[in-house]
Protein backbone atom coordinates (compact mmCIF):
# COMPACT_ATOMS: atom_id res chain seq x y z
CA MET A 1 46.31 17.14 -0.61
CA GLU A 2 44.85 20.65 -0.61
CA ILE A 3 44.99 22.45 -3.94
CA LEU A 4 45.64 25.85 -2.35
CA SER A 5 47.34 26.76 0.91
CA ILE A 6 47.77 30.41 1.87
CA GLN A 7 50.12 30.61 4.84
CA ASN A 8 50.59 33.70 7.05
CA LEU A 9 50.43 36.05 4.08
CA TYR A 10 51.40 39.72 4.36
CA LYS A 11 51.39 42.38 1.68
CA ILE A 12 52.76 45.80 2.59
CA TYR A 13 52.90 48.71 0.19
CA LYS A 14 55.43 51.49 0.80
CA GLU A 15 55.25 55.03 -0.48
CA GLY A 16 58.01 57.14 0.97
CA ASP A 17 57.83 56.76 4.74
CA ILE A 18 54.22 55.58 4.65
CA GLU A 19 53.40 51.87 4.88
CA THR A 20 50.00 50.41 4.04
CA VAL A 21 49.26 46.86 5.17
CA ALA A 22 46.92 45.36 2.56
CA LEU A 23 47.08 41.81 3.95
CA ARG A 24 47.92 40.83 7.51
CA ASP A 25 48.74 37.22 8.50
CA ALA A 26 46.16 35.80 6.06
CA SER A 27 45.83 32.01 5.99
CA LEU A 28 43.42 29.77 4.08
CA THR A 29 43.28 26.16 2.89
CA VAL A 30 41.23 25.11 -0.13
CA GLN A 31 40.48 21.51 -1.07
CA PRO A 32 40.11 20.24 -4.66
CA GLY A 33 36.62 20.89 -6.04
CA GLU A 34 35.66 23.55 -3.49
CA PHE A 35 33.69 26.64 -4.50
CA ILE A 36 34.66 29.52 -2.19
CA ALA A 37 33.52 33.13 -2.09
CA ILE A 38 35.76 35.72 -0.43
CA THR A 39 33.70 38.73 0.52
CA GLY A 40 34.55 42.14 1.89
CA ARG A 41 34.19 45.86 1.37
CA SER A 42 36.06 47.75 -1.33
CA GLY A 43 39.67 48.20 -0.23
CA ALA A 44 39.57 45.28 2.21
CA GLY A 45 42.31 43.41 0.33
CA LYS A 46 40.30 41.02 -1.88
CA SER A 47 41.99 41.84 -5.18
CA THR A 48 45.41 41.96 -3.52
CA LEU A 49 44.85 38.45 -2.21
CA LEU A 50 43.71 37.15 -5.62
CA ASN A 51 46.73 38.70 -7.36
CA LEU A 52 49.04 36.93 -4.91
CA VAL A 53 47.26 33.59 -5.34
CA GLY A 54 47.42 34.04 -9.12
CA GLY A 55 51.15 34.75 -9.00
CA LEU A 56 50.68 38.22 -10.46
CA SER A 57 52.52 39.77 -7.52
CA THR A 58 54.63 38.55 -4.62
CA PRO A 59 53.91 38.85 -0.87
CA SER A 60 55.95 40.78 1.65
CA ALA A 61 55.94 37.62 3.78
CA GLY A 62 54.23 34.23 3.83
CA LYS A 63 53.57 31.53 1.26
CA VAL A 64 51.13 30.63 -1.48
CA VAL A 65 51.28 26.90 -2.22
CA ILE A 66 49.30 25.57 -5.19
CA ASN A 67 49.11 21.83 -5.73
CA GLY A 68 52.31 21.38 -3.73
CA THR A 69 54.30 24.18 -5.43
CA ASP A 70 55.26 27.26 -3.42
CA ILE A 71 54.79 29.89 -6.12
CA THR A 72 56.25 32.63 -3.91
CA ARG A 73 59.68 30.99 -4.40
CA LEU A 74 59.45 31.06 -8.19
CA GLU A 75 61.04 33.67 -10.43
CA GLU A 76 58.68 35.84 -12.48
CA THR A 77 59.09 33.80 -15.67
CA GLN A 78 58.58 30.57 -13.71
CA ARG A 79 55.42 31.97 -12.10
CA ALA A 80 54.08 32.95 -15.53
CA ALA A 81 54.69 29.45 -16.87
CA PHE A 82 53.12 27.87 -13.78
CA ARG A 83 50.10 30.18 -14.01
CA ARG A 84 49.61 29.35 -17.68
CA GLN A 85 49.44 25.62 -16.89
CA ASN A 86 47.65 25.59 -13.54
CA ILE A 87 45.58 28.73 -12.92
CA GLY A 88 42.70 30.39 -14.76
CA ILE A 89 41.92 34.03 -13.89
CA MET A 90 38.82 36.08 -14.71
CA TYR A 91 38.21 39.76 -14.05
CA GLN A 92 35.35 42.25 -13.86
CA THR A 93 36.30 43.42 -17.34
CA ASP A 94 36.54 40.52 -19.76
CA ASN A 95 40.07 41.39 -21.03
CA LEU A 96 39.35 39.91 -24.44
CA ILE A 97 41.39 41.00 -27.46
CA PRO A 98 38.88 43.18 -29.35
CA PHE A 99 40.09 42.48 -32.90
CA LEU A 100 40.01 38.69 -32.48
CA THR A 101 36.96 36.44 -32.65
CA ALA A 102 35.67 34.50 -29.64
CA LEU A 103 37.31 31.38 -31.05
CA GLU A 104 40.65 33.11 -31.60
CA ASN A 105 40.61 34.55 -28.07
CA VAL A 106 40.22 31.06 -26.61
CA ILE A 107 42.92 29.61 -28.87
CA ILE A 108 45.59 32.16 -27.84
CA PRO A 109 46.39 30.82 -24.31
CA MET A 110 46.62 27.28 -25.67
CA GLN A 111 49.05 28.38 -28.38
CA LEU A 112 51.18 30.10 -25.74
CA ALA A 113 51.22 26.88 -23.73
CA GLY A 114 52.20 24.85 -26.81
CA ARG A 115 49.06 22.70 -26.82
CA ARG A 116 48.17 20.62 -29.85
CA ASP A 117 44.84 21.03 -31.66
CA PRO A 118 43.82 24.22 -29.82
CA LYS A 119 41.03 25.01 -32.31
CA LEU A 120 39.09 21.83 -31.53
CA ARG A 121 39.27 22.38 -27.77
CA ALA A 122 38.35 26.07 -28.19
CA GLN A 123 35.25 25.08 -30.16
CA GLN A 124 34.28 22.56 -27.48
CA LEU A 125 34.74 25.08 -24.68
CA LEU A 126 32.67 27.77 -26.38
CA LYS A 127 29.94 25.24 -27.02
CA GLU A 128 30.03 24.23 -23.35
CA VAL A 129 29.54 27.84 -22.19
CA GLY A 130 26.62 28.25 -24.59
CA LEU A 131 28.35 30.10 -27.43
CA GLY A 132 28.63 27.38 -30.04
CA GLU A 133 26.87 29.64 -32.54
CA ARG A 134 29.00 32.70 -31.77
CA LEU A 135 32.49 31.35 -32.49
CA ASN A 136 33.33 33.92 -35.16
CA HIS A 137 31.90 36.96 -33.39
CA LYS A 138 34.32 39.59 -32.11
CA PRO A 139 33.83 40.97 -28.56
CA GLY A 140 32.14 44.12 -29.85
CA MET A 141 29.41 41.97 -31.40
CA LEU A 142 28.65 40.16 -28.12
CA SER A 143 26.62 41.17 -25.07
CA GLY A 144 28.30 41.68 -21.68
CA GLY A 145 27.19 38.26 -20.48
CA GLU A 146 28.42 36.62 -23.68
CA ARG A 147 31.82 38.30 -23.35
CA GLN A 148 32.15 36.97 -19.81
CA ARG A 149 31.27 33.50 -21.08
CA VAL A 150 34.10 33.81 -23.60
CA ALA A 151 36.37 34.95 -20.74
CA ILE A 152 35.40 31.82 -18.80
CA ALA A 153 36.31 29.68 -21.82
CA VAL A 154 39.65 31.50 -22.08
CA ALA A 155 40.34 30.86 -18.38
CA LEU A 156 39.51 27.15 -18.84
CA ALA A 157 41.55 26.74 -22.03
CA ASN A 158 44.56 25.01 -20.47
CA GLU A 159 42.51 22.91 -18.03
CA PRO A 160 43.60 24.79 -14.89
CA LYS A 161 43.50 23.13 -11.49
CA LEU A 162 42.35 26.41 -9.92
CA LEU A 163 39.99 29.06 -11.27
CA LEU A 164 40.07 32.58 -9.78
CA ALA A 165 37.45 35.28 -10.37
CA ASP A 166 37.77 38.93 -9.32
CA GLU A 167 34.36 40.69 -9.15
CA LEU A 168 33.42 38.77 -12.29
CA THR A 169 29.83 40.04 -12.41
CA GLY A 170 30.54 43.61 -11.34
CA GLU A 171 29.62 45.16 -14.71
CA LEU A 172 26.65 42.90 -15.45
CA ASP A 173 22.95 43.39 -14.68
CA SER A 174 21.49 41.09 -12.03
CA VAL A 175 19.85 38.65 -14.47
CA THR A 176 22.99 38.26 -16.60
CA ALA A 177 25.15 37.98 -13.49
CA ASP A 178 22.92 35.16 -12.23
CA HIS A 179 23.26 33.31 -15.55
CA VAL A 180 27.06 33.59 -15.40
CA MET A 181 27.11 32.31 -11.81
CA GLN A 182 24.82 29.42 -12.76
CA LEU A 183 27.35 28.47 -15.43
CA LEU A 184 30.26 28.59 -12.99
CA SER A 185 28.31 26.53 -10.45
CA ALA A 186 27.62 23.92 -13.12
CA LEU A 187 31.30 23.82 -14.16
CA ASN A 188 32.32 23.46 -10.53
CA LYS A 189 30.06 20.42 -10.15
CA THR A 190 30.54 18.70 -13.50
CA HIS A 191 34.33 19.16 -13.74
CA ASN A 192 35.16 19.17 -10.02
CA LEU A 193 36.69 22.57 -10.76
CA THR A 194 38.16 24.42 -7.79
CA LEU A 195 36.75 27.94 -7.85
CA VAL A 196 37.68 30.94 -5.70
CA ILE A 197 35.78 34.17 -6.32
CA VAL A 198 36.12 37.54 -4.63
CA THR A 199 32.99 39.67 -4.53
CA HIS A 200 31.18 42.32 -2.52
CA ASN A 201 27.86 41.03 -3.87
CA ARG A 202 26.06 38.85 -1.31
CA THR A 203 23.79 37.33 -3.97
CA VAL A 204 26.83 36.17 -5.92
CA ALA A 205 28.49 34.89 -2.74
CA LYS A 206 25.47 32.74 -1.92
CA ARG A 207 26.22 30.64 -5.01
CA ALA A 208 29.40 29.40 -3.31
CA ARG A 209 29.43 26.46 -0.93
CA ARG A 210 31.85 28.13 1.48
CA LYS A 211 32.29 31.76 2.45
CA VAL A 212 35.33 33.58 3.80
CA SER A 213 35.28 37.23 4.84
CA ILE A 214 38.17 39.66 4.58
CA LEU A 215 38.38 42.65 6.90
CA ASP A 216 41.35 44.98 7.24
CA GLY A 217 43.53 42.49 5.41
CA GLN A 218 42.64 39.50 7.60
CA LEU A 219 40.63 36.42 6.63
CA PHE A 220 37.74 35.09 8.74
CA GLU A 221 36.03 31.78 8.04
CA SER A 222 32.23 31.82 7.99
CA GLU A 223 30.26 29.09 9.70
CA ALA A 224 27.44 29.35 7.18
CA ALA A 225 27.17 27.13 4.13
CA TYR A 226 25.82 28.51 0.89
CA ALA A 227 23.90 26.53 -1.70
């Protein structure tokens, strides 16, 4: 069974008498373990799509089905609980809590989900992303690439079935961005992690094994495969 099914999705924003169609009849199916890049110009609807898939907002019409659950039918509190257990989300800015250490940042989502022994898993995750020696460093003591590695560990904390990334490397230099994408590629392969990233960066997109373009709120499958 597909892990993600986006079905005839619309998102319309209204301001007074003016309507803006951000997504228009968007459909996409993602299988477990796929690594997909969604590309498009700024304002094309990439972030809107990711917010809908992550359950952070609701569509004007259509469905988002994750692992058999139609999250568009869930109440806000139900969506939050589902997201905590099933979806990891990463952003261009790392969204780390500045006064907590790397270890404490990774522990937080597991505590919210009621997991046992969160400290041990947090230590293991930070070691896996190459920060085993930086557990007690606060975000201000880490480089941009290191902060994004912590953000990846945070997103993986509750063993999500689906990992979403919104312009993850947008604030990183090209070398650091490449290192972060190498890490995600490795996690995709070693953990069979399903990964959907949105990016306007073609170099980043080439890391994915499948590419989808978004134009004027509509999705278009690409024939090309990316290594």
